[in-house]
């Protein structure tokens, strides 16, 4: 029994380490002007090009609305949490709502759920400046749980292998079909975009902007397939990058005008923020609590058996 408490204490400390803050990340190159993909003109969530979504096709997708107008996207990870981009938090007084179960921004039917945002949880190292930055990830805490249905479902969290995969991912959003003509789509659209390595992404950014900052290992990049100009665009922030029904990235920033050849859309890499997600998601916190309890119980049983 003398070993029981020291062993359990060590196990608890080991598990508590997952709640440690992420380390600071150094950027690749010097400063330059690029854009977050939040629609500051409040005109909608834009996926340039893309295909019209069918009802219930992307039930995890939500619209974050400020005073009744769409500003960002996001995805439900549990009944009271939406994962989105940190910069979607506007530091102004007003009403924030999450609208779930829609494919048209203004529609009203039995599928639609409108829920007030109780609070924002943004990464503690996100700077809230006018310059794009790392740690652009956060959560919307809902004032009440969503009711799961065919139209409203949760998105899964990824494995490390899924985060590393270069398989094509799906992006979703409302808004402009054409960045130049500003033709607004009234219906949710989706596009399949190709993952590229960060080395290739940096090369593309340098070619287009003379620098790759602030690209780093906590981000992932996607580009349109050869011969296409699909991309995320202004207002696309916070939207999910989805592979095999799990979210691997959260749309953060890119270049305008949208749809430039080989211009990457850059997203926060979900696997780089597992500690932050564990701290911020109530279900993850409970899951980790059960893991701790299970380890302590198993250790106790094992040590008890050793005594006999």
C-alpha atoms as a PDB file:
ATOM      1  CA  UNK A   1       0.000   0.000   0.000  1.00  0.00           C
ATOM      2  CA  UNK A   2       2.944   2.334   0.464  1.00  0.00           C
ATOM      3  CA  UNK A   3       3.299   2.538  -3.313  1.00  0.00           C
ATOM      4  CA  UNK A   4      -0.362   3.287  -3.960  1.00  0.00           C
ATOM      5  CA  UNK A   5      -0.528   7.022  -3.258  1.00  0.00           C
ATOM      6  CA  UNK A   6       2.793   7.969  -4.933  1.00  0.00           C
ATOM      7  CA  UNK A   7       1.858   6.010  -8.068  1.00  0.00           C
ATOM      8  CA  UNK A   8      -1.640   7.505  -8.222  1.00  0.00           C
ATOM      9  CA  UNK A   9      -0.249  10.997  -7.656  1.00  0.00           C
ATOM     10  CA  UNK A  10       2.190  10.562 -10.554  1.00  0.00           C
ATOM     11  CA  UNK A  11      -0.591   9.347 -12.826  1.00  0.00           C
ATOM     12  CA  UNK A  12      -2.768  12.337 -11.973  1.00  0.00           C
ATOM     13  CA  UNK A  13       0.125  14.735 -12.637  1.00  0.00           C
ATOM     14  CA  UNK A  14       0.756  13.047 -15.969  1.00  0.00           C
ATOM     15  CA  UNK A  15      -2.853  13.448 -17.036  1.00  0.00           C
ATOM     16  CA  UNK A  16      -3.047  17.018 -15.733  1.00  0.00           C
ATOM     17  CA  UNK A  17      -0.166  17.906 -18.059  1.00  0.00           C
ATOM     18  CA  UNK A  18      -2.553  17.806 -20.995  1.00  0.00           C
ATOM     19  CA  UNK A  19      -4.021  21.038 -19.643  1.00  0.00           C
ATOM     20  CA  UNK A  20      -0.735  22.923 -20.039  1.00  0.00           C
ATOM     21  CA  UNK A  21      -0.688  25.913 -22.411  1.00  0.00           C
ATOM     22  CA  UNK A  22       0.619  25.468 -25.933  1.00  0.00           C
ATOM     23  CA  UNK A  23       4.112  26.783 -26.528  1.00  0.00           C
ATOM     24  CA  UNK A  24       4.732  30.012 -28.388  1.00  0.00           C
ATOM     25  CA  UNK A  25       5.333  29.417 -32.094  1.00  0.00           C
ATOM     26  CA  UNK A  26       7.846  31.442 -34.080  1.00  0.00           C
ATOM     27  CA  UNK A  27       6.688  32.675 -37.506  1.00  0.00           C
ATOM     28  CA  UNK A  28       8.521  31.753 -40.695  1.00  0.00           C
ATOM     29  CA  UNK A  29       9.182  35.156 -42.240  1.00  0.00           C
ATOM     30  CA  UNK A  30       8.755  38.937 -41.919  1.00  0.00           C
ATOM     31  CA  UNK A  31       5.435  40.880 -41.743  1.00  0.00           C
ATOM     32  CA  UNK A  32       3.081  41.425 -44.661  1.00  0.00           C
ATOM     33  CA  UNK A  33      -0.575  42.282 -45.227  1.00  0.00           C
ATOM     34  CA  UNK A  34      -2.978  39.380 -45.577  1.00  0.00           C
ATOM     35  CA  UNK A  35      -6.569  38.953 -44.489  1.00  0.00           C
ATOM     36  CA  UNK A  36      -8.608  37.100 -41.960  1.00  0.00           C
ATOM     37  CA  UNK A  37     -11.624  35.585 -43.640  1.00  0.00           C
ATOM     38  CA  UNK A  38     -14.266  37.202 -41.422  1.00  0.00           C
ATOM     39  CA  UNK A  39     -16.837  39.236 -43.344  1.00  0.00           C
ATOM     40  CA  UNK A  40     -16.398  42.663 -41.747  1.00  0.00           C
ATOM     41  CA  UNK A  41     -19.121  44.022 -44.027  1.00  0.00           C
ATOM     42  CA  UNK A  42     -21.536  41.449 -42.602  1.00  0.00           C
ATOM     43  CA  UNK A  43     -22.616  40.205 -46.024  1.00  0.00           C
ATOM     44  CA  UNK A  44     -22.292  36.494 -45.538  1.00  0.00           C
ATOM     45  CA  UNK A  45     -20.116  33.433 -45.419  1.00  0.00           C
ATOM     46  CA  UNK A  46     -18.435  32.922 -48.781  1.00  0.00           C
ATOM     47  CA  UNK A  47     -17.164  29.869 -50.556  1.00  0.00           C
ATOM     48  CA  UNK A  48     -15.996  30.947 -54.016  1.00  0.00           C
ATOM     49  CA  UNK A  49     -17.440  28.513 -56.540  1.00  0.00           C
ATOM     50  CA  UNK A  50     -18.615  25.298 -54.980  1.00  0.00           C
ATOM     51  CA  UNK A  51     -21.734  23.155 -55.177  1.00  0.00           C
ATOM     52  CA  UNK A  52     -25.136  23.799 -53.610  1.00  0.00           C
ATOM     53  CA  UNK A  53     -25.631  21.723 -50.478  1.00  0.00           C
ATOM     54  CA  UNK A  54     -28.698  19.576 -49.978  1.00  0.00           C
ATOM     55  CA  UNK A  55     -30.770  19.648 -46.819  1.00  0.00           C
ATOM     56  CA  UNK A  56     -29.200  17.741 -43.906  1.00  0.00           C
ATOM     57  CA  UNK A  57     -25.974  17.225 -45.893  1.00  0.00           C
ATOM     58  CA  UNK A  58     -23.800  19.176 -43.414  1.00  0.00           C
ATOM     59  CA  UNK A  59     -25.757  19.144 -40.138  1.00  0.00           C
ATOM     60  CA  UNK A  60     -22.755  20.219 -38.041  1.00  0.00           C
ATOM     61  CA  UNK A  61     -22.494  23.567 -39.860  1.00  0.00           C
ATOM     62  CA  UNK A  62     -23.721  26.684 -38.050  1.00  0.00           C
ATOM     63  CA  UNK A  63     -23.962  30.386 -38.800  1.00  0.00           C
ATOM     64  CA  UNK A  64     -22.616  32.805 -36.189  1.00  0.00           C
ATOM     65  CA  UNK A  65     -24.726  35.952 -36.396  1.00  0.00           C
ATOM     66  CA  UNK A  66     -24.145  39.373 -34.874  1.00  0.00           C
ATOM     67  CA  UNK A  67     -27.264  41.505 -34.459  1.00  0.00           C
ATOM     68  CA  UNK A  68     -29.055  39.213 -36.904  1.00  0.00           C
ATOM     69  CA  UNK A  69     -26.411  39.186 -39.656  1.00  0.00           C
ATOM     70  CA  UNK A  70     -23.965  36.423 -40.518  1.00  0.00           C
ATOM     71  CA  UNK A  71     -20.283  37.021 -39.707  1.00  0.00           C
ATOM     72  CA  UNK A  72     -18.612  33.609 -39.369  1.00  0.00           C
ATOM     73  CA  UNK A  73     -19.095  29.887 -39.585  1.00  0.00           C
ATOM     74  CA  UNK A  74     -18.449  27.158 -37.081  1.00  0.00           C
ATOM     75  CA  UNK A  75     -19.156  23.530 -36.245  1.00  0.00           C
ATOM     76  CA  UNK A  76     -20.915  21.871 -33.317  1.00  0.00           C
ATOM     77  CA  UNK A  77     -18.616  19.605 -31.295  1.00  0.00           C
ATOM     78  CA  UNK A  78     -21.126  19.024 -28.511  1.00  0.00           C
ATOM     79  CA  UNK A  79     -24.576  20.290 -27.562  1.00  0.00           C
ATOM     80  CA  UNK A  80     -23.264  23.496 -25.952  1.00  0.00           C
ATOM     81  CA  UNK A  81     -19.984  24.187 -27.786  1.00  0.00           C
ATOM     82  CA  UNK A  82     -19.204  25.465 -31.281  1.00  0.00           C
ATOM     83  CA  UNK A  83     -15.621  25.465 -32.539  1.00  0.00           C
ATOM     84  CA  UNK A  84     -14.762  28.560 -34.592  1.00  0.00           C
ATOM     85  CA  UNK A  85     -11.988  31.122 -35.202  1.00  0.00           C
ATOM     86  CA  UNK A  86     -10.889  33.344 -32.308  1.00  0.00           C
ATOM     87  CA  UNK A  87     -10.995  36.491 -34.434  1.00  0.00           C
ATOM     88  CA  UNK A  88     -14.738  36.001 -34.997  1.00  0.00           C
ATOM     89  CA  UNK A  89     -15.217  37.622 -31.593  1.00  0.00           C
ATOM     90  CA  UNK A  90     -16.145  41.234 -32.330  1.00  0.00           C
ATOM     91  CA  UNK A  91     -15.335  43.500 -29.404  1.00  0.00           C
ATOM     92  CA  UNK A  92     -18.594  45.426 -29.674  1.00  0.00           C
ATOM     93  CA  UNK A  93     -21.824  45.291 -27.730  1.00  0.00           C
ATOM     94  CA  UNK A  94     -24.565  43.388 -29.482  1.00  0.00           C
ATOM     95  CA  UNK A  95     -26.382  40.113 -29.727  1.00  0.00           C
ATOM     96  CA  UNK A  96     -24.574  36.991 -30.858  1.00  0.00           C
ATOM     97  CA  UNK A  97     -26.585  33.970 -31.961  1.00  0.00           C
ATOM     98  CA  UNK A  98     -25.755  30.563 -33.348  1.00  0.00           C
ATOM     99  CA  UNK A  99     -28.178  29.409 -36.024  1.00  0.00           C
ATOM    100  CA  UNK A 100     -28.194  25.660 -36.639  1.00  0.00           C
ATOM    101  CA  UNK A 101     -30.153  23.433 -39.005  1.00  0.00           C
ATOM    102  CA  UNK A 102     -30.216  25.832 -41.962  1.00  0.00           C
ATOM    103  CA  UNK A 103     -29.104  25.740 -45.571  1.00  0.00           C
ATOM    104  CA  UNK A 104     -30.500  29.229 -46.343  1.00  0.00           C
ATOM    105  CA  UNK A 105     -29.499  32.075 -44.039  1.00  0.00           C
ATOM    106  CA  UNK A 106     -32.980  33.600 -43.800  1.00  0.00           C
ATOM    107  CA  UNK A 107     -35.087  30.459 -43.761  1.00  0.00           C
ATOM    108  CA  UNK A 108     -37.566  29.625 -41.014  1.00  0.00           C
ATOM    109  CA  UNK A 109     -38.761  26.058 -40.582  1.00  0.00           C
ATOM    110  CA  UNK A 110     -38.903  23.254 -38.037  1.00  0.00           C
ATOM    111  CA  UNK A 111     -35.216  22.386 -38.599  1.00  0.00           C
ATOM    112  CA  UNK A 112     -33.915  25.820 -37.572  1.00  0.00           C
ATOM    113  CA  UNK A 113     -32.603  26.457 -34.066  1.00  0.00           C
ATOM    114  CA  UNK A 114     -31.502  29.932 -32.947  1.00  0.00           C
ATOM    115  CA  UNK A 115     -29.570  29.994 -29.671  1.00  0.00           C
ATOM    116  CA  UNK A 116     -27.918  32.941 -27.922  1.00  0.00           C
ATOM    117  CA  UNK A 117     -24.179  32.816 -27.363  1.00  0.00           C
ATOM    118  CA  UNK A 118     -23.513  32.879 -23.632  1.00  0.00           C
ATOM    119  CA  UNK A 119     -19.772  33.503 -23.893  1.00  0.00           C
ATOM    120  CA  UNK A 120     -16.637  33.157 -26.028  1.00  0.00           C
ATOM    121  CA  UNK A 121     -13.627  31.063 -25.106  1.00  0.00           C
ATOM    122  CA  UNK A 122     -10.673  32.195 -27.201  1.00  0.00           C
ATOM    123  CA  UNK A 123      -7.147  30.820 -27.107  1.00  0.00           C
ATOM    124  CA  UNK A 124      -5.268  32.687 -24.336  1.00  0.00           C
ATOM    125  CA  UNK A 125      -2.367  33.487 -26.683  1.00  0.00           C
ATOM    126  CA  UNK A 126      -4.460  34.930 -29.505  1.00  0.00           C
ATOM    127  CA  UNK A 127      -3.502  38.646 -29.681  1.00  0.00           C
ATOM    128  CA  UNK A 128      -6.679  40.255 -31.156  1.00  0.00           C
ATOM    129  CA  UNK A 129      -4.671  42.557 -33.427  1.00  0.00           C
ATOM    130  CA  UNK A 130      -5.211  43.630 -37.034  1.00  0.00           C
ATOM    131  CA  UNK A 131      -2.410  41.305 -38.144  1.00  0.00           C
ATOM    132  CA  UNK A 132      -3.127  37.627 -38.717  1.00  0.00           C
ATOM    133  CA  UNK A 133      -1.705  35.408 -36.030  1.00  0.00           C
ATOM    134  CA  UNK A 134      -1.299  31.903 -34.690  1.00  0.00           C
ATOM    135  CA  UNK A 135      -3.712  30.486 -32.097  1.00  0.00           C
ATOM    136  CA  UNK A 136      -6.755  31.627 -34.094  1.00  0.00           C
ATOM    137  CA  UNK A 137      -9.152  29.159 -32.524  1.00  0.00           C
ATOM    138  CA  UNK A 138     -11.967  29.415 -30.013  1.00  0.00           C
ATOM    139  CA  UNK A 139     -15.348  28.225 -28.832  1.00  0.00           C
ATOM    140  CA  UNK A 140     -18.830  29.662 -28.616  1.00  0.00           C
ATOM    141  CA  UNK A 141     -20.580  28.627 -25.408  1.00  0.00           C
ATOM    142  CA  UNK A 142     -24.324  28.345 -26.009  1.00  0.00           C
ATOM    143  CA  UNK A 143     -26.905  29.589 -23.515  1.00  0.00           C
ATOM    144  CA  UNK A 144     -28.802  26.309 -23.900  1.00  0.00           C
ATOM    145  CA  UNK A 145     -28.085  22.964 -25.579  1.00  0.00           C
ATOM    146  CA  UNK A 146     -29.011  22.360 -29.202  1.00  0.00           C
ATOM    147  CA  UNK A 147     -31.508  19.591 -29.848  1.00  0.00           C
ATOM    148  CA  UNK A 148     -29.946  16.952 -32.069  1.00  0.00           C
ATOM    149  CA  UNK A 149     -31.958  15.954 -35.141  1.00  0.00           C
ATOM    150  CA  UNK A 150     -31.477  15.045 -38.796  1.00  0.00           C
ATOM    151  CA  UNK A 151     -30.696  18.729 -39.405  1.00  0.00           C
ATOM    152  CA  UNK A 152     -28.462  19.324 -36.370  1.00  0.00           C
ATOM    153  CA  UNK A 153     -25.594  16.957 -35.588  1.00  0.00           C
ATOM    154  CA  UNK A 154     -22.136  17.039 -33.994  1.00  0.00           C
ATOM    155  CA  UNK A 155     -18.815  16.892 -35.834  1.00  0.00           C
ATOM    156  CA  UNK A 156     -16.162  14.450 -34.632  1.00  0.00           C
ATOM    157  CA  UNK A 157     -12.679  15.372 -33.442  1.00  0.00           C
ATOM    158  CA  UNK A 158      -9.719  13.959 -35.404  1.00  0.00           C
ATOM    159  CA  UNK A 159      -6.949  11.501 -34.756  1.00  0.00           C
ATOM    160  CA  UNK A 160      -3.337  12.547 -35.302  1.00  0.00           C
ATOM    161  CA  UNK A 161      -3.260  10.514 -38.524  1.00  0.00           C
ATOM    162  CA  UNK A 162      -6.291  12.376 -39.875  1.00  0.00           C
ATOM    163  CA  UNK A 163      -4.679  15.730 -39.111  1.00  0.00           C
ATOM    164  CA  UNK A 164      -1.543  14.666 -40.980  1.00  0.00           C
ATOM    165  CA  UNK A 165      -3.395  13.267 -43.994  1.00  0.00           C
ATOM    166  CA  UNK A 166      -3.053  15.099 -47.318  1.00  0.00           C
ATOM    167  CA  UNK A 167      -6.379  13.741 -48.565  1.00  0.00           C
ATOM    168  CA  UNK A 168      -8.827  16.364 -49.943  1.00  0.00           C
ATOM    169  CA  UNK A 169     -11.039  18.095 -47.377  1.00  0.00           C
ATOM    170  CA  UNK A 170     -14.510  19.626 -47.599  1.00  0.00           C
ATOM    171  CA  UNK A 171     -15.277  23.268 -46.791  1.00  0.00           C
ATOM    172  CA  UNK A 172     -18.781  24.662 -46.432  1.00  0.00           C
ATOM    173  CA  UNK A 173     -20.311  28.126 -46.316  1.00  0.00           C
ATOM    174  CA  UNK A 174     -22.846  30.663 -47.523  1.00  0.00           C
ATOM    175  CA  UNK A 175     -22.166  33.540 -49.829  1.00  0.00           C
ATOM    176  CA  UNK A 176     -20.361  34.682 -52.918  1.00  0.00           C
ATOM    177  CA  UNK A 177     -20.062  32.360 -55.882  1.00  0.00           C
ATOM    178  CA  UNK A 178     -17.616  34.783 -57.534  1.00  0.00           C
ATOM    179  CA  UNK A 179     -15.176  36.980 -55.595  1.00  0.00           C
ATOM    180  CA  UNK A 180     -15.027  39.625 -58.340  1.00  0.00           C
ATOM    181  CA  UNK A 181     -18.727  39.844 -59.227  1.00  0.00           C
ATOM    182  CA  UNK A 182     -19.825  39.477 -55.598  1.00  0.00           C
ATOM    183  CA  UNK A 183     -22.744  37.256 -56.539  1.00  0.00           C
ATOM    184  CA  UNK A 184     -24.252  36.172 -53.255  1.00  0.00           C
ATOM    185  CA  UNK A 185     -25.487  32.607 -52.955  1.00  0.00           C
ATOM    186  CA  UNK A 186     -28.570  32.258 -50.809  1.00  0.00           C
ATOM    187  CA  UNK A 187     -27.871  28.583 -50.230  1.00  0.00           C
ATOM    188  CA  UNK A 188     -25.146  26.752 -48.334  1.00  0.00           C
ATOM    189  CA  UNK A 189     -22.367  25.672 -50.694  1.00  0.00           C
ATOM    190  CA  UNK A 190     -19.525  23.220 -50.385  1.00  0.00           C
ATOM    191  CA  UNK A 191     -16.264  22.542 -52.178  1.00  0.00           C
ATOM    192  CA  UNK A 192     -13.619  19.835 -52.078  1.00  0.00           C
ATOM    193  CA  UNK A 193     -10.116  21.295 -51.747  1.00  0.00           C
ATOM    194  CA  UNK A 194      -6.698  19.649 -51.758  1.00  0.00           C
ATOM    195  CA  UNK A 195      -4.441  19.589 -48.690  1.00  0.00           C
ATOM    196  CA  UNK A 196      -0.842  20.594 -49.410  1.00  0.00           C
ATOM    197  CA  UNK A 197       2.284  20.442 -47.274  1.00  0.00           C
ATOM    198  CA  UNK A 198       3.308  23.531 -45.339  1.00  0.00           C
ATOM    199  CA  UNK A 199       6.508  23.645 -47.402  1.00  0.00           C
ATOM    200  CA  UNK A 200       4.494  23.931 -50.625  1.00  0.00           C
ATOM    201  CA  UNK A 201       2.136  26.374 -48.934  1.00  0.00           C
ATOM    202  CA  UNK A 202       5.034  28.613 -47.879  1.00  0.00           C
ATOM    203  CA  UNK A 203       6.398  28.531 -51.426  1.00  0.00           C
ATOM    204  CA  UNK A 204       3.013  29.605 -52.840  1.00  0.00           C
ATOM    205  CA  UNK A 205       2.662  32.405 -50.290  1.00  0.00           C
ATOM    206  CA  UNK A 206       6.168  33.714 -50.982  1.00  0.00           C
ATOM    207  CA  UNK A 207       5.467  33.684 -54.726  1.00  0.00           C
ATOM    208  CA  UNK A 208       2.278  35.708 -54.228  1.00  0.00           C
ATOM    209  CA  UNK A 209       3.186  37.969 -51.298  1.00  0.00           C
ATOM    210  CA  UNK A 210       6.994  37.771 -50.861  1.00  0.00           C
ATOM    211  CA  UNK A 211       6.628  36.186 -47.426  1.00  0.00           C
ATOM    212  CA  UNK A 212       5.065  33.173 -45.726  1.00  0.00           C
ATOM    213  CA  UNK A 213       4.344  34.784 -42.362  1.00  0.00           C
ATOM    214  CA  UNK A 214       2.579  33.803 -40.172  1.00  0.00           C
ATOM    215  CA  UNK A 215       2.418  30.243 -41.507  1.00  0.00           C
ATOM    216  CA  UNK A 216       3.722  27.649 -39.044  1.00  0.00           C
ATOM    217  CA  UNK A 217       3.225  24.063 -37.907  1.00  0.00           C
ATOM    218  CA  UNK A 218      -0.030  24.873 -36.080  1.00  0.00           C
ATOM    219  CA  UNK A 219      -1.684  25.609 -39.434  1.00  0.00           C
ATOM    220  CA  UNK A 220      -2.744  23.579 -42.461  1.00  0.00           C
ATOM    221  CA  UNK A 221      -3.206  24.749 -46.043  1.00  0.00           C
ATOM    222  CA  UNK A 222      -5.663  23.886 -48.790  1.00  0.00           C
ATOM    223  CA  UNK A 223      -5.813  24.868 -52.459  1.00  0.00           C
ATOM    224  CA  UNK A 224      -8.191  24.347 -55.355  1.00  0.00           C
ATOM    225  CA  UNK A 225      -7.763  21.341 -57.601  1.00  0.00           C
ATOM    226  CA  UNK A 226      -5.947  21.918 -60.890  1.00  0.00           C
ATOM    227  CA  UNK A 227      -8.098  23.948 -63.278  1.00  0.00           C
ATOM    228  CA  UNK A 228     -10.512  25.182 -60.589  1.00  0.00           C
ATOM    229  CA  UNK A 229     -10.694  28.357 -58.515  1.00  0.00           C
ATOM    230  CA  UNK A 230     -12.684  27.148 -55.509  1.00  0.00           C
ATOM    231  CA  UNK A 231     -11.551  28.696 -52.234  1.00  0.00           C
ATOM    232  CA  UNK A 232     -12.648  30.173 -48.965  1.00  0.00           C
ATOM    233  CA  UNK A 233     -13.067  33.945 -48.922  1.00  0.00           C
ATOM    234  CA  UNK A 234     -14.017  36.934 -46.748  1.00  0.00           C
ATOM    235  CA  UNK A 235     -16.612  35.813 -44.229  1.00  0.00           C
ATOM    236  CA  UNK A 236     -15.437  32.200 -44.326  1.00  0.00           C
ATOM    237  CA  UNK A 237     -13.668  32.362 -40.966  1.00  0.00           C
ATOM    238  CA  UNK A 238     -14.421  29.735 -38.380  1.00  0.00           C
ATOM    239  CA  UNK A 239     -15.756  27.258 -40.897  1.00  0.00           C
ATOM    240  CA  UNK A 240     -14.676  23.619 -40.646  1.00  0.00           C
ATOM    241  CA  UNK A 241     -12.262  21.679 -42.840  1.00  0.00           C
ATOM    242  CA  UNK A 242     -13.714  18.192 -42.766  1.00  0.00           C
ATOM    243  CA  UNK A 243     -12.176  14.816 -43.569  1.00  0.00           C
ATOM    244  CA  UNK A 244     -14.136  11.592 -43.035  1.00  0.00           C
ATOM    245  CA  UNK A 245     -16.728  13.382 -40.865  1.00  0.00           C
ATOM    246  CA  UNK A 246     -14.167  14.871 -38.465  1.00  0.00           C
ATOM    247  CA  UNK A 247     -12.910  18.449 -38.273  1.00  0.00           C
ATOM    248  CA  UNK A 248      -9.188  18.762 -39.022  1.00  0.00           C
ATOM    249  CA  UNK A 249      -9.008  22.544 -39.455  1.00  0.00           C
ATOM    250  CA  UNK A 250     -10.744  25.854 -38.680  1.00  0.00           C
ATOM    251  CA  UNK A 251     -10.614  28.435 -41.496  1.00  0.00           C
ATOM    252  CA  UNK A 252      -8.522  31.438 -40.483  1.00  0.00           C
ATOM    253  CA  UNK A 253      -6.923  33.496 -43.256  1.00  0.00           C
ATOM    254  CA  UNK A 254      -5.899  33.740 -46.900  1.00  0.00           C
ATOM    255  CA  UNK A 255      -5.346  36.089 -49.831  1.00  0.00           C
ATOM    256  CA  UNK A 256      -7.719  38.392 -51.678  1.00  0.00           C
ATOM    257  CA  UNK A 257      -9.065  38.564 -54.327  1.00  0.00           C
ATOM    258  CA  UNK A 258     -10.166  35.019 -53.620  1.00  0.00           C
ATOM    259  CA  UNK A 259      -9.628  32.183 -56.071  1.00  0.00           C
ATOM    260  CA  UNK A 260      -6.112  33.147 -57.200  1.00  0.00           C
ATOM    261  CA  UNK A 261      -4.239  30.265 -58.800  1.00  0.00           C
ATOM    262  CA  UNK A 262      -2.415  28.221 -56.127  1.00  0.00           C
ATOM    263  CA  UNK A 263      -3.359  30.755 -53.431  1.00  0.00           C
ATOM    264  CA  UNK A 264      -3.819  28.771 -50.223  1.00  0.00           C
ATOM    265  CA  UNK A 265      -6.583  29.006 -47.686  1.00  0.00           C
ATOM    266  CA  UNK A 266      -5.000  28.618 -44.244  1.00  0.00           C
ATOM    267  CA  UNK A 267      -6.690  27.026 -41.240  1.00  0.00           C
ATOM    268  CA  UNK A 268      -5.845  26.372 -37.606  1.00  0.00           C
ATOM    269  CA  UNK A 269      -4.765  22.735 -37.271  1.00  0.00           C
ATOM    270  CA  UNK A 270      -7.142  21.169 -34.748  1.00  0.00           C
ATOM    271  CA  UNK A 271      -4.633  18.567 -33.517  1.00  0.00           C
ATOM    272  CA  UNK A 272      -2.226  21.345 -32.512  1.00  0.00           C
ATOM    273  CA  UNK A 273      -4.758  22.549 -29.949  1.00  0.00           C
ATOM    274  CA  UNK A 274      -5.874  19.343 -28.268  1.00  0.00           C
ATOM    275  CA  UNK A 275      -4.963  20.723 -24.836  1.00  0.00           C
ATOM    276  CA  UNK A 276      -6.953  23.911 -25.379  1.00  0.00           C
ATOM    277  CA  UNK A 277      -9.880  21.909 -26.750  1.00  0.00           C
ATOM    278  CA  UNK A 278      -9.756  19.573 -23.748  1.00  0.00           C
ATOM    279  CA  UNK A 279      -9.844  22.524 -21.349  1.00  0.00           C
ATOM    280  CA  UNK A 280     -12.594  24.353 -23.209  1.00  0.00           C
ATOM    281  CA  UNK A 281     -14.971  21.534 -24.068  1.00  0.00           C
ATOM    282  CA  UNK A 282     -17.068  20.366 -21.143  1.00  0.00           C
ATOM    283  CA  UNK A 283     -17.511  16.901 -22.636  1.00  0.00           C
ATOM    284  CA  UNK A 284     -13.746  16.525 -23.152  1.00  0.00           C
ATOM    285  CA  UNK A 285     -13.096  17.678 -19.600  1.00  0.00           C
ATOM    286  CA  UNK A 286     -15.540  15.076 -18.291  1.00  0.00           C
ATOM    287  CA  UNK A 287     -13.946  12.421 -20.501  1.00  0.00           C
ATOM    288  CA  UNK A 288     -10.523  13.204 -19.075  1.00  0.00           C
ATOM    289  CA  UNK A 289     -11.913  13.145 -15.545  1.00  0.00           C
ATOM    290  CA  UNK A 290     -13.189   9.623 -16.162  1.00  0.00           C
ATOM    291  CA  UNK A 291      -9.774   8.603 -17.531  1.00  0.00           C
ATOM    292  CA  UNK A 292      -8.099   9.853 -14.344  1.00  0.00           C
ATOM    293  CA  UNK A 293     -10.618   8.046 -12.170  1.00  0.00           C
ATOM    294  CA  UNK A 294     -10.193   4.867 -14.182  1.00  0.00           C
ATOM    295  CA  UNK A 295      -6.392   4.965 -13.900  1.00  0.00           C
ATOM    296  CA  UNK A 296      -6.543   5.463 -10.133  1.00  0.00           C
ATOM    297  CA  UNK A 297      -9.061   2.644  -9.709  1.00  0.00           C
ATOM    298  CA  UNK A 298      -7.084   0.195 -11.878  1.00  0.00           C
ATOM    299  CA  UNK A 299      -3.857   1.082 -10.068  1.00  0.00           C
ATOM    300  CA  UNK A 300      -5.542   0.527  -6.702  1.00  0.00           C
ATOM    301  CA  UNK A 301      -6.873  -2.892  -7.801  1.00  0.00           C
ATOM    302  CA  UNK A 302      -3.465  -3.888  -9.176  1.00  0.00           C
ATOM    303  CA  UNK A 303      -1.613  -2.901  -6.000  1.00  0.00           C
ATOM    304  CA  UNK A 304      -4.180  -4.653  -3.836  1.00  0.00           C
ATOM    305  CA  UNK A 305      -3.602  -7.869  -5.786  1.00  0.00           C
ATOM    306  CA  UNK A 306       0.155  -7.536  -5.344  1.00  0.00           C
ATOM    307  CA  UNK A 307      -0.287  -7.678  -1.595  1.00  0.00           C
ATOM    308  CA  UNK A 308      -1.843 -11.164  -1.716  1.00  0.00           C
END
